[in-house]
PDB file of all heavy atoms in Angstrom:
ATOM      1  N   TYR A   1     -54.146-154.949  -5.109  1.00  0.00           N
ATOM      2  CA  TYR A   1     -53.132-154.028  -5.399  1.00  0.00           C
ATOM      3  C   TYR A   1     -53.259-153.501  -6.827  1.00  0.00           C
ATOM      4  O   TYR A   1     -53.841-154.247  -7.789  1.00  0.00           O
ATOM      5  CB  TYR A   1     -51.766-154.691  -5.369  1.00  0.00           C
ATOM      6  CG  TYR A   1     -51.369-155.051  -3.964  1.00  0.00           C
ATOM      7  CD1 TYR A   1     -51.739-156.367  -3.432  1.00  0.00           C
ATOM      8  CD2 TYR A   1     -50.650-154.292  -3.025  1.00  0.00           C
ATOM      9  CE1 TYR A   1     -51.397-156.707  -2.111  1.00  0.00           C
ATOM     10  CE2 TYR A   1     -50.190-154.664  -1.802  1.00  0.00           C
ATOM     11  CZ  TYR A   1     -50.634-155.854  -1.391  1.00  0.00           C
ATOM     12  OH  TYR A   1     -50.380-156.337  -0.106  1.00  0.00           O
ATOM     13  N   GLN A   2     -52.808-152.263  -7.096  1.00  0.00           N
ATOM     14  CA  GLN A   2     -52.655-151.630  -8.326  1.00  0.00           C
ATOM     15  C   GLN A   2     -53.808-151.797  -9.286  1.00  0.00           C
ATOM     16  O   GLN A   2     -54.968-151.375  -8.827  1.00  0.00           O
ATOM     17  CB  GLN A   2     -51.404-152.148  -9.091  1.00  0.00           C
ATOM     18  CG  GLN A   2     -50.083-152.056  -8.320  1.00  0.00           C
ATOM     19  CD  GLN A   2     -49.652-150.754  -7.877  1.00  0.00           C
ATOM     20  OE1 GLN A   2     -50.239-150.118  -6.926  1.00  0.00           O
ATOM     21  NE2 GLN A   2     -48.662-150.114  -8.603  1.00  0.00           N
ATOM     22  N   TYR A   3     -53.797-152.483 -10.402  1.00  0.00           N
ATOM     23  CA  TYR A   3     -54.957-152.569 -11.330  1.00  0.00           C
ATOM     24  C   TYR A   3     -56.046-153.217 -10.620  1.00  0.00           C
ATOM     25  O   TYR A   3     -57.317-152.983 -10.888  1.00  0.00           O
ATOM     26  CB  TYR A   3     -54.510-153.273 -12.634  1.00  0.00           C
ATOM     27  CG  TYR A   3     -53.504-152.472 -13.408  1.00  0.00           C
ATOM     28  CD1 TYR A   3     -52.339-153.170 -13.867  1.00  0.00           C
ATOM     29  CD2 TYR A   3     -53.778-151.141 -13.854  1.00  0.00           C
ATOM     30  CE1 TYR A   3     -51.383-152.498 -14.582  1.00  0.00           C
ATOM     31  CE2 TYR A   3     -52.763-150.513 -14.513  1.00  0.00           C
ATOM     32  CZ  TYR A   3     -51.613-151.122 -15.011  1.00  0.00           C
ATOM     33  OH  TYR A   3     -50.638-150.478 -15.711  1.00  0.00           O
ATOM     34  N   SER A   4     -55.886-154.269  -9.885  1.00  0.00           N
ATOM     35  CA  SER A   4     -56.932-154.975  -9.185  1.00  0.00           C
ATOM     36  C   SER A   4     -57.551-154.137  -8.287  1.00  0.00           C
ATOM     37  O   SER A   4     -58.903-154.107  -8.168  1.00  0.00           O
ATOM     38  CB  SER A   4     -56.249-156.162  -8.447  1.00  0.00           C
ATOM     39  OG  SER A   4     -55.805-157.167  -9.258  1.00  0.00           O
ATOM     40  N   ALA A   5     -57.001-153.253  -7.479  1.00  0.00           N
ATOM     41  CA  ALA A   5     -57.572-152.208  -6.518  1.00  0.00           C
ATOM     42  C   ALA A   5     -58.492-151.322  -7.340  1.00  0.00           C
ATOM     43  O   ALA A   5     -59.533-151.037  -6.937  1.00  0.00           O
ATOM     44  CB  ALA A   5     -56.544-151.539  -5.814  1.00  0.00           C
ATOM     45  N   PHE A   6     -57.916-150.848  -8.523  1.00  0.00           N
ATOM     46  CA  PHE A   6     -58.699-149.886  -9.371  1.00  0.00           C
ATOM     47  C   PHE A   6     -59.969-150.587  -9.959  1.00  0.00           C
ATOM     48  O   PHE A   6     -61.070-150.076  -9.842  1.00  0.00           O
ATOM     49  CB  PHE A   6     -57.893-149.451 -10.644  1.00  0.00           C
ATOM     50  CG  PHE A   6     -58.629-148.698 -11.692  1.00  0.00           C
ATOM     51  CD1 PHE A   6     -59.117-147.459 -11.305  1.00  0.00           C
ATOM     52  CD2 PHE A   6     -58.867-149.223 -12.864  1.00  0.00           C
ATOM     53  CE1 PHE A   6     -59.774-146.629 -12.325  1.00  0.00           C
ATOM     54  CE2 PHE A   6     -59.554-148.527 -13.758  1.00  0.00           C
ATOM     55  CZ  PHE A   6     -60.024-147.291 -13.506  1.00  0.00           C
ATOM     56  N   LEU A   7     -59.821-151.805 -10.367  1.00  0.00           N
ATOM     57  CA  LEU A   7     -61.027-152.590 -10.849  1.00  0.00           C
ATOM     58  C   LEU A   7     -62.084-152.864  -9.725  1.00  0.00           C
ATOM     59  O   LEU A   7     -63.267-152.795  -9.940  1.00  0.00           O
ATOM     60  CB  LEU A   7     -60.597-153.881 -11.452  1.00  0.00           C
ATOM     61  CG  LEU A   7     -59.878-153.837 -12.823  1.00  0.00           C
ATOM     62  CD1 LEU A   7     -59.278-155.098 -13.266  1.00  0.00           C
ATOM     63  CD2 LEU A   7     -60.796-153.231 -13.881  1.00  0.00           C
ATOM     64  N   LEU A   8     -61.545-153.098  -8.564  1.00  0.00           N
ATOM     65  CA  LEU A   8     -62.494-153.306  -7.333  1.00  0.00           C
ATOM     66  C   LEU A   8     -63.258-152.019  -7.147  1.00  0.00           C
ATOM     67  O   LEU A   8     -64.498-152.174  -6.888  1.00  0.00           O
ATOM     68  CB  LEU A   8     -61.508-153.691  -6.143  1.00  0.00           C
ATOM     69  CG  LEU A   8     -62.380-154.088  -4.955  1.00  0.00           C
ATOM     70  CD1 LEU A   8     -63.153-155.553  -5.160  1.00  0.00           C
ATOM     71  CD2 LEU A   8     -61.361-154.461  -3.826  1.00  0.00           C
ATOM     72  N   VAL A   9     -62.592-150.859  -7.041  1.00  0.00           N
ATOM     73  CA  VAL A   9     -63.300-149.676  -6.829  1.00  0.00           C
ATOM     74  C   VAL A   9     -64.208-149.368  -8.041  1.00  0.00           C
ATOM     75  O   VAL A   9     -65.326-148.930  -7.668  1.00  0.00           O
ATOM     76  CB  VAL A   9     -62.207-148.536  -6.619  1.00  0.00           C
ATOM     77  CG1 VAL A   9     -62.944-147.138  -6.646  1.00  0.00           C
ATOM     78  CG2 VAL A   9     -61.430-148.803  -5.362  1.00  0.00           C
ATOM     79  N   GLN A  10     -63.871-149.719  -9.203  1.00  0.00           N
ATOM     80  CA  GLN A  10     -64.698-149.497 -10.345  1.00  0.00           C
ATOM     81  C   GLN A  10     -66.050-150.220 -10.250  1.00  0.00           C
ATOM     82  O   GLN A  10     -67.082-149.896 -10.775  1.00  0.00           O
ATOM     83  CB  GLN A  10     -63.991-149.790 -11.628  1.00  0.00           C
ATOM     84  CG  GLN A  10     -62.956-148.803 -11.986  1.00  0.00           C
ATOM     85  CD  GLN A  10     -63.378-147.331 -12.200  1.00  0.00           C
ATOM     86  OE1 GLN A  10     -64.242-147.148 -12.986  1.00  0.00           O
ATOM     87  NE2 GLN A  10     -62.893-146.606 -11.390  1.00  0.00           N
ATOM     88  N   GLN A  11     -65.949-151.548  -9.455  1.00  0.00           N
ATOM     89  CA  GLN A  11     -67.178-152.319  -9.453  1.00  0.00           C
ATOM     90  C   GLN A  11     -68.075-151.854  -8.284  1.00  0.00           C
ATOM     91  O   GLN A  11     -68.968-152.458  -8.004  1.00  0.00           O
ATOM     92  CB  GLN A  11     -66.704-153.722  -9.115  1.00  0.00           C
ATOM     93  CG  GLN A  11     -65.881-154.382 -10.188  1.00  0.00           C
ATOM     94  CD  GLN A  11     -66.546-154.160 -11.681  1.00  0.00           C
ATOM     95  OE1 GLN A  11     -67.665-154.564 -11.822  1.00  0.00           O
ATOM     96  NE2 GLN A  11     -65.789-153.560 -12.442  1.00  0.00           N
ATOM     97  N   GLY A  12     -67.774-150.733  -7.696  1.00  0.00           N
ATOM     98  CA  GLY A  12     -68.518-150.125  -6.610  1.00  0.00           C
ATOM     99  C   GLY A  12     -68.195-150.519  -5.235  1.00  0.00           C
ATOM    100  O   GLY A  12     -68.870-150.081  -4.304  1.00  0.00           O
ATOM    101  N   ALA A  13     -67.090-151.093  -4.968  1.00  0.00           N
ATOM    102  CA  ALA A  13     -66.703-151.343  -3.622  1.00  0.00           C
ATOM    103  C   ALA A  13     -66.261-150.094  -2.917  1.00  0.00           C
ATOM    104  O   ALA A  13     -65.628-149.189  -3.402  1.00  0.00           O
ATOM    105  CB  ALA A  13     -65.369-152.287  -3.634  1.00  0.00           C
ATOM    106  N   GLN A  14     -67.020-149.769  -1.853  1.00  0.00           N
ATOM    107  CA  GLN A  14     -66.802-148.629  -1.003  1.00  0.00           C
ATOM    108  C   GLN A  14     -65.629-148.694  -0.059  1.00  0.00           C
ATOM    109  O   GLN A  14     -65.945-148.417   1.171  1.00  0.00           O
ATOM    110  CB  GLN A  14     -68.128-148.309  -0.429  1.00  0.00           C
ATOM    111  CG  GLN A  14     -69.272-148.086  -1.460  1.00  0.00           C
ATOM    112  CD  GLN A  14     -69.132-146.884  -2.204  1.00  0.00           C
ATOM    113  OE1 GLN A  14     -68.833-145.892  -1.894  1.00  0.00           O
ATOM    114  NE2 GLN A  14     -69.357-147.131  -3.598  1.00  0.00           N
ATOM    115  N   TYR A  15     -64.552-149.053  -0.436  1.00  0.00           N
ATOM    116  CA  TYR A  15     -63.396-149.097   0.495  1.00  0.00           C
ATOM    117  C   TYR A  15     -62.361-148.148  -0.048  1.00  0.00           C
ATOM    118  O   TYR A  15     -62.193-147.796  -1.166  1.00  0.00           O
ATOM    119  CB  TYR A  15     -62.804-150.532   0.509  1.00  0.00           C
ATOM    120  CG  TYR A  15     -63.765-151.652   1.001  1.00  0.00           C
ATOM    121  CD1 TYR A  15     -64.391-152.484   0.015  1.00  0.00           C
ATOM    122  CD2 TYR A  15     -64.127-151.669   2.268  1.00  0.00           C
ATOM    123  CE1 TYR A  15     -65.304-153.394   0.471  1.00  0.00           C
ATOM    124  CE2 TYR A  15     -65.095-152.499   2.727  1.00  0.00           C
ATOM    125  CZ  TYR A  15     -65.664-153.438   1.823  1.00  0.00           C
ATOM    126  OH  TYR A  15     -66.569-154.305   2.317  1.00  0.00           O
ATOM    127  N   LYS A  16     -61.595-147.621   1.005  1.00  0.00           N
ATOM    128  CA  LYS A  16     -60.605-146.638   0.766  1.00  0.00           C
ATOM    129  C   LYS A  16     -59.317-147.169   0.058  1.00  0.00           C
ATOM    130  O   LYS A  16     -58.779-148.128   0.602  1.00  0.00           O
ATOM    131  CB  LYS A  16     -60.186-145.934   1.992  1.00  0.00           C
ATOM    132  CG  LYS A  16     -59.225-144.751   1.964  1.00  0.00           C
ATOM    133  CD  LYS A  16     -58.870-144.171   3.258  1.00  0.00           C
ATOM    134  CE  LYS A  16     -57.890-142.995   3.010  1.00  0.00           C
ATOM    135  NZ  LYS A  16     -57.184-142.742   4.259  1.00  0.00           N
ATOM    136  N   ALA A  17     -58.953-146.503  -0.983  1.00  0.00           N
ATOM    137  CA  ALA A  17     -57.719-146.907  -1.666  1.00  0.00           C
ATOM    138  C   ALA A  17     -56.402-146.232  -0.986  1.00  0.00           C
ATOM    139  O   ALA A  17     -56.651-145.051  -0.595  1.00  0.00           O
ATOM    140  CB  ALA A  17     -57.785-146.553  -3.132  1.00  0.00           C
ATOM    141  N   ASN A  18     -55.462-146.942  -0.483  1.00  0.00           N
ATOM    142  CA  ASN A  18     -54.291-146.302   0.020  1.00  0.00           C
ATOM    143  C   ASN A  18     -53.091-146.324  -0.989  1.00  0.00           C
ATOM    144  O   ASN A  18     -52.806-147.434  -1.385  1.00  0.00           O
ATOM    145  CB  ASN A  18     -53.934-146.973   1.320  1.00  0.00           C
ATOM    146  CG  ASN A  18     -55.051-146.821   2.393  1.00  0.00           C
ATOM    147  OD1 ASN A  18     -55.430-145.806   2.741  1.00  0.00           O
ATOM    148  ND2 ASN A  18     -55.501-147.956   2.921  1.00  0.00           N
ATOM    149  N   ARG A  19     -52.480-145.224  -1.192  1.00  0.00           N
ATOM    150  CA  ARG A  19     -51.352-145.085  -1.916  1.00  0.00           C
ATOM    151  C   ARG A  19     -50.195-144.608  -1.101  1.00  0.00           C
ATOM    152  O   ARG A  19     -50.138-143.730  -0.414  1.00  0.00           O
ATOM    153  CB  ARG A  19     -51.600-143.991  -3.091  1.00  0.00           C
ATOM    154  CG  ARG A  19     -50.414-143.735  -3.992  1.00  0.00           C
ATOM    155  CD  ARG A  19     -50.807-142.566  -4.970  1.00  0.00           C
ATOM    156  NE  ARG A  19     -49.787-142.074  -5.606  1.00  0.00           N
ATOM    157  CZ  ARG A  19     -49.628-140.945  -6.283  1.00  0.00           C
ATOM    158  NH1 ARG A  19     -50.865-140.254  -6.388  1.00  0.00           N
ATOM    159  NH2 ARG A  19     -48.610-140.569  -6.840  1.00  0.00           N
ATOM    160  N   ARG A  20     -49.075-145.508  -1.218  1.00  0.00           N
ATOM    161  CA  ARG A  20     -47.954-145.314  -0.370  1.00  0.00           C
ATOM    162  C   ARG A  20     -46.647-145.737  -1.101  1.00  0.00           C
ATOM    163  O   ARG A  20     -46.623-146.519  -1.900  1.00  0.00           O
ATOM    164  CB  ARG A  20     -48.098-145.972   0.901  1.00  0.00           C
ATOM    165  CG  ARG A  20     -48.139-147.460   0.713  1.00  0.00           C
ATOM    166  CD  ARG A  20     -48.330-148.302   2.095  1.00  0.00           C
ATOM    167  NE  ARG A  20     -48.621-149.599   1.892  1.00  0.00           N
ATOM    168  CZ  ARG A  20     -47.664-150.513   1.549  1.00  0.00           C
ATOM    169  NH1 ARG A  20     -46.469-150.221   1.400  1.00  0.00           N
ATOM    170  NH2 ARG A  20     -48.012-151.794   1.298  1.00  0.00           N
ATOM    171  N   PRO A  21     -45.557-145.005  -0.727  1.00  0.00           N
ATOM    172  CA  PRO A  21     -44.275-145.525  -1.372  1.00  0.00           C
ATOM    173  C   PRO A  21     -43.720-146.661  -0.612  1.00  0.00           C
ATOM    174  O   PRO A  21     -43.966-146.872   0.575  1.00  0.00           O
ATOM    175  CB  PRO A  21     -43.449-144.253  -0.972  1.00  0.00           C
ATOM    176  CG  PRO A  21     -43.963-143.565   0.138  1.00  0.00           C
ATOM    177  CD  PRO A  21     -45.453-143.823   0.063  1.00  0.00           C
ATOM    178  N   VAL A  22     -43.279-147.598  -1.532  1.00  0.00           N
ATOM    179  CA  VAL A  22     -42.677-148.811  -0.976  1.00  0.00           C
ATOM    180  C   VAL A  22     -41.135-148.729  -1.475  1.00  0.00           C
ATOM    181  O   VAL A  22     -40.741-148.888  -2.662  1.00  0.00           O
ATOM    182  CB  VAL A  22     -43.346-150.035  -1.613  1.00  0.00           C
ATOM    183  CG1 VAL A  22     -42.566-151.396  -1.118  1.00  0.00           C
ATOM    184  CG2 VAL A  22     -44.713-150.037  -1.275  1.00  0.00           C
ATOM    185  N   LYS A  23     -40.230-148.610  -0.414  1.00  0.00           N
ATOM    186  CA  LYS A  23     -38.850-148.533  -0.703  1.00  0.00           C
ATOM    187  C   LYS A  23     -38.244-149.695  -1.313  1.00  0.00           C
ATOM    188  O   LYS A  23     -37.479-149.581  -2.282  1.00  0.00           O
ATOM    189  CB  LYS A  23     -38.121-148.207   0.676  1.00  0.00           C
ATOM    190  CG  LYS A  23     -38.293-146.903   1.274  1.00  0.00           C
ATOM    191  CD  LYS A  23     -37.436-146.615   2.488  1.00  0.00           C
ATOM    192  CE  LYS A  23     -37.673-145.285   3.000  1.00  0.00           C
ATOM    193  NZ  LYS A  23     -36.888-145.115   4.250  1.00  0.00           N
ATOM    194  N   SER A  24     -38.739-150.912  -0.964  1.00  0.00           N
ATOM    195  CA  SER A  24     -37.957-152.120  -1.519  1.00  0.00           C
ATOM    196  C   SER A  24     -38.238-152.207  -3.003  1.00  0.00           C
ATOM    197  O   SER A  24     -37.274-152.863  -3.684  1.00  0.00           O
ATOM    198  CB  SER A  24     -38.629-153.375  -0.794  1.00  0.00           C
ATOM    199  OG  SER A  24     -40.005-153.444  -0.944  1.00  0.00           O
ATOM    200  N   ILE A  25     -39.244-151.636  -3.593  1.00  0.00           N
ATOM    201  CA  ILE A  25     -39.386-151.783  -5.000  1.00  0.00           C
ATOM    202  C   ILE A  25     -39.373-150.367  -5.716  1.00  0.00           C
ATOM    203  O   ILE A  25     -39.505-150.333  -6.884  1.00  0.00           O
ATOM    204  CB  ILE A  25     -40.876-152.423  -5.351  1.00  0.00           C
ATOM    205  CG1 ILE A  25     -42.017-151.790  -4.726  1.00  0.00           C
ATOM    206  CG2 ILE A  25     -40.791-153.874  -4.984  1.00  0.00           C
ATOM    207  CD1 ILE A  25     -43.390-152.311  -5.161  1.00  0.00           C
ATOM    208  N   ARG A  26     -39.023-149.353  -4.903  1.00  0.00           N
ATOM    209  CA  ARG A  26     -38.862-148.007  -5.423  1.00  0.00           C
ATOM    210  C   ARG A  26     -40.020-147.462  -6.326  1.00  0.00           C
ATOM    211  O   ARG A  26     -39.724-147.031  -7.399  1.00  0.00           O
ATOM    212  CB  ARG A  26     -37.486-147.935  -6.191  1.00  0.00           C
ATOM    213  CG  ARG A  26     -36.286-148.268  -5.322  1.00  0.00           C
ATOM    214  CD  ARG A  26     -35.072-148.106  -6.204  1.00  0.00           C
ATOM    215  NE  ARG A  26     -33.829-148.311  -5.321  1.00  0.00           N
ATOM    216  CZ  ARG A  26     -33.102-149.342  -5.449  1.00  0.00           C
ATOM    217  NH1 ARG A  26     -33.372-150.225  -6.420  1.00  0.00           N
ATOM    218  NH2 ARG A  26     -32.186-149.452  -4.722  1.00  0.00           N
ATOM    219  N   GLN A  27     -41.083-147.623  -5.753  1.00  0.00           N
ATOM    220  CA  GLN A  27     -42.292-147.153  -6.445  1.00  0.00           C
ATOM    221  C   GLN A  27     -43.400-147.016  -5.429  1.00  0.00           C
ATOM    222  O   GLN A  27     -43.330-147.502  -4.404  1.00  0.00           O
ATOM    223  CB  GLN A  27     -42.668-147.997  -7.709  1.00  0.00           C
ATOM    224  CG  GLN A  27     -43.527-149.185  -7.374  1.00  0.00           C
ATOM    225  CD  GLN A  27     -43.830-150.029  -8.651  1.00  0.00           C
ATOM    226  OE1 GLN A  27     -42.952-150.512  -9.193  1.00  0.00           O
ATOM    227  NE2 GLN A  27     -45.079-150.078  -8.959  1.00  0.00           N
ATOM    228  N   GLU A  28     -44.385-146.225  -5.867  1.00  0.00           N
ATOM    229  CA  GLU A  28     -45.713-146.087  -5.043  1.00  0.00           C
ATOM    230  C   GLU A  28     -46.566-147.193  -5.337  1.00  0.00           C
ATOM    231  O   GLU A  28     -46.731-147.731  -6.567  1.00  0.00           O
ATOM    232  CB  GLU A  28     -46.354-144.869  -5.198  1.00  0.00           C
ATOM    233  CG  GLU A  28     -45.429-143.616  -4.814  1.00  0.00           C
ATOM    234  CD  GLU A  28     -46.055-142.267  -5.039  1.00  0.00           C
ATOM    235  OE1 GLU A  28     -46.981-142.184  -5.917  1.00  0.00           O
ATOM    236  OE2 GLU A  28     -45.540-141.237  -4.536  1.00  0.00           O
ATOM    237  N   VAL A  29     -47.274-147.686  -4.314  1.00  0.00           N
ATOM    238  CA  VAL A  29     -48.216-148.842  -4.434  1.00  0.00           C
ATOM    239  C   VAL A  29     -49.653-148.381  -3.982  1.00  0.00           C
ATOM    240  O   VAL A  29     -49.682-147.683  -2.990  1.00  0.00           O
ATOM    241  CB  VAL A  29     -47.656-150.000  -3.782  1.00  0.00           C
ATOM    242  CG1 VAL A  29     -48.800-151.234  -3.704  1.00  0.00           C
ATOM    243  CG2 VAL A  29     -46.393-150.443  -4.453  1.00  0.00           C
ATOM    244  N   VAL A  30     -50.619-148.808  -4.656  1.00  0.00           N
ATOM    245  CA  VAL A  30     -52.030-148.518  -4.161  1.00  0.00           C
ATOM    246  C   VAL A  30     -52.662-149.857  -3.922  1.00  0.00           C
ATOM    247  O   VAL A  30     -52.500-150.853  -4.530  1.00  0.00           O
ATOM    248  CB  VAL A  30     -52.798-147.666  -5.292  1.00  0.00           C
ATOM    249  CG1 VAL A  30     -53.131-148.634  -6.531  1.00  0.00           C
ATOM    250  CG2 VAL A  30     -54.214-147.334  -4.661  1.00  0.00           C
ATOM    251  N   SER A  31     -53.403-149.946  -2.764  1.00  0.00           N
ATOM    252  CA  SER A  31     -54.012-151.109  -2.407  1.00  0.00           C
ATOM    253  C   SER A  31     -55.521-150.700  -1.736  1.00  0.00           C
ATOM    254  O   SER A  31     -55.660-149.667  -1.262  1.00  0.00           O
ATOM    255  CB  SER A  31     -53.193-151.916  -1.380  1.00  0.00           C
ATOM    256  OG  SER A  31     -53.071-151.148  -0.287  1.00  0.00           O
ATOM    257  N   VAL A  32     -56.324-151.754  -1.816  1.00  0.00           N
ATOM    258  CA  VAL A  32     -57.632-151.667  -1.301  1.00  0.00           C
ATOM    259  C   VAL A  32     -57.817-152.918  -0.332  1.00  0.00           C
ATOM    260  O   VAL A  32     -57.567-154.059  -0.801  1.00  0.00           O
ATOM    261  CB  VAL A  32     -58.845-151.554  -2.263  1.00  0.00           C
ATOM    262  CG1 VAL A  32     -60.177-151.674  -1.556  1.00  0.00           C
ATOM    263  CG2 VAL A  32     -58.584-150.258  -3.120  1.00  0.00           C
ATOM    264  N   CYS A  33     -58.234-152.693   0.821  1.00  0.00           N
ATOM    265  CA  CYS A  33     -58.272-153.803   1.797  1.00  0.00           C
ATOM    266  C   CYS A  33     -59.831-153.936   2.257  1.00  0.00           C
ATOM    267  O   CYS A  33     -60.470-152.899   2.563  1.00  0.00           O
ATOM    268  CB  CYS A  33     -57.343-153.614   2.907  1.00  0.00           C
ATOM    269  SG  CYS A  33     -57.129-154.877   4.086  1.00  0.00           S
ATOM    270  N   PHE A  34     -60.241-155.069   2.420  1.00  0.00           N
ATOM    271  CA  PHE A  34     -61.663-155.279   2.996  1.00  0.00           C
ATOM    272  C   PHE A  34     -61.687-156.625   3.831  1.00  0.00           C
ATOM    273  O   PHE A  34     -60.957-157.595   3.474  1.00  0.00           O
ATOM    274  CB  PHE A  34     -62.745-155.251   1.900  1.00  0.00           C
ATOM    275  CG  PHE A  34     -62.652-156.236   0.909  1.00  0.00           C
ATOM    276  CD1 PHE A  34     -63.467-157.468   1.000  1.00  0.00           C
ATOM    277  CD2 PHE A  34     -61.912-155.974  -0.320  1.00  0.00           C
ATOM    278  CE1 PHE A  34     -63.253-158.499   0.047  1.00  0.00           C
ATOM    279  CE2 PHE A  34     -61.747-157.014  -1.267  1.00  0.00           C
ATOM    280  CZ  PHE A  34     -62.497-158.121  -1.037  1.00  0.00           C
ATOM    281  N   PRO A  35     -62.548-156.636   4.830  1.00  0.00           N
ATOM    282  CA  PRO A  35     -62.729-157.840   5.582  1.00  0.00           C
ATOM    283  C   PRO A  35     -63.180-159.079   4.699  1.00  0.00           C
ATOM    284  O   PRO A  35     -63.898-158.897   3.895  1.00  0.00           O
ATOM    285  CB  PRO A  35     -63.822-157.540   6.593  1.00  0.00           C
ATOM    286  CG  PRO A  35     -63.995-156.030   6.553  1.00  0.00           C
ATOM    287  CD  PRO A  35     -63.473-155.623   5.253  1.00  0.00           C
ATOM    288  N   LYS A  36     -62.487-160.196   4.968  1.00  0.00           N
ATOM    289  CA  LYS A  36     -62.786-161.499   4.176  1.00  0.00           C
ATOM    290  C   LYS A  36     -64.209-161.898   4.172  1.00  0.00           C
ATOM    291  O   LYS A  36     -64.663-162.364   3.131  1.00  0.00           O
ATOM    292  CB  LYS A  36     -61.789-162.520   4.497  1.00  0.00           C
ATOM    293  CG  LYS A  36     -61.985-163.245   5.815  1.00  0.00           C
ATOM    294  CD  LYS A  36     -61.099-164.405   6.044  1.00  0.00           C
ATOM    295  CE  LYS A  36     -61.368-165.163   7.306  1.00  0.00           C
ATOM    296  NZ  LYS A  36     -60.455-166.316   7.494  1.00  0.00           N
ATOM    297  N   ASP A  37     -64.947-161.639   5.333  1.00  0.00           N
ATOM    298  CA  ASP A  37     -66.347-162.137   5.235  1.00  0.00           C
ATOM    299  C   ASP A  37     -67.308-161.268   4.442  1.00  0.00           C
ATOM    300  O   ASP A  37     -68.429-161.630   4.374  1.00  0.00           O
ATOM    301  CB  ASP A  37     -66.747-162.456   6.620  1.00  0.00           C
ATOM    302  CG  ASP A  37     -66.520-161.283   7.629  1.00  0.00           C
ATOM    303  OD1 ASP A  37     -65.611-160.513   7.354  1.00  0.00           O
ATOM    304  OD2 ASP A  37     -67.172-161.142   8.734  1.00  0.00           O
TER     305      ASP A  37
END
């Protein structure tokens, strides 16, 4: 999430970053997800 997602992408990970609003914390959140293996 957030800075960690940015750093992951900066390291060359070719995964799509998703930015979405999260009502419970009243802010937009960015995340990158990839298979654990």
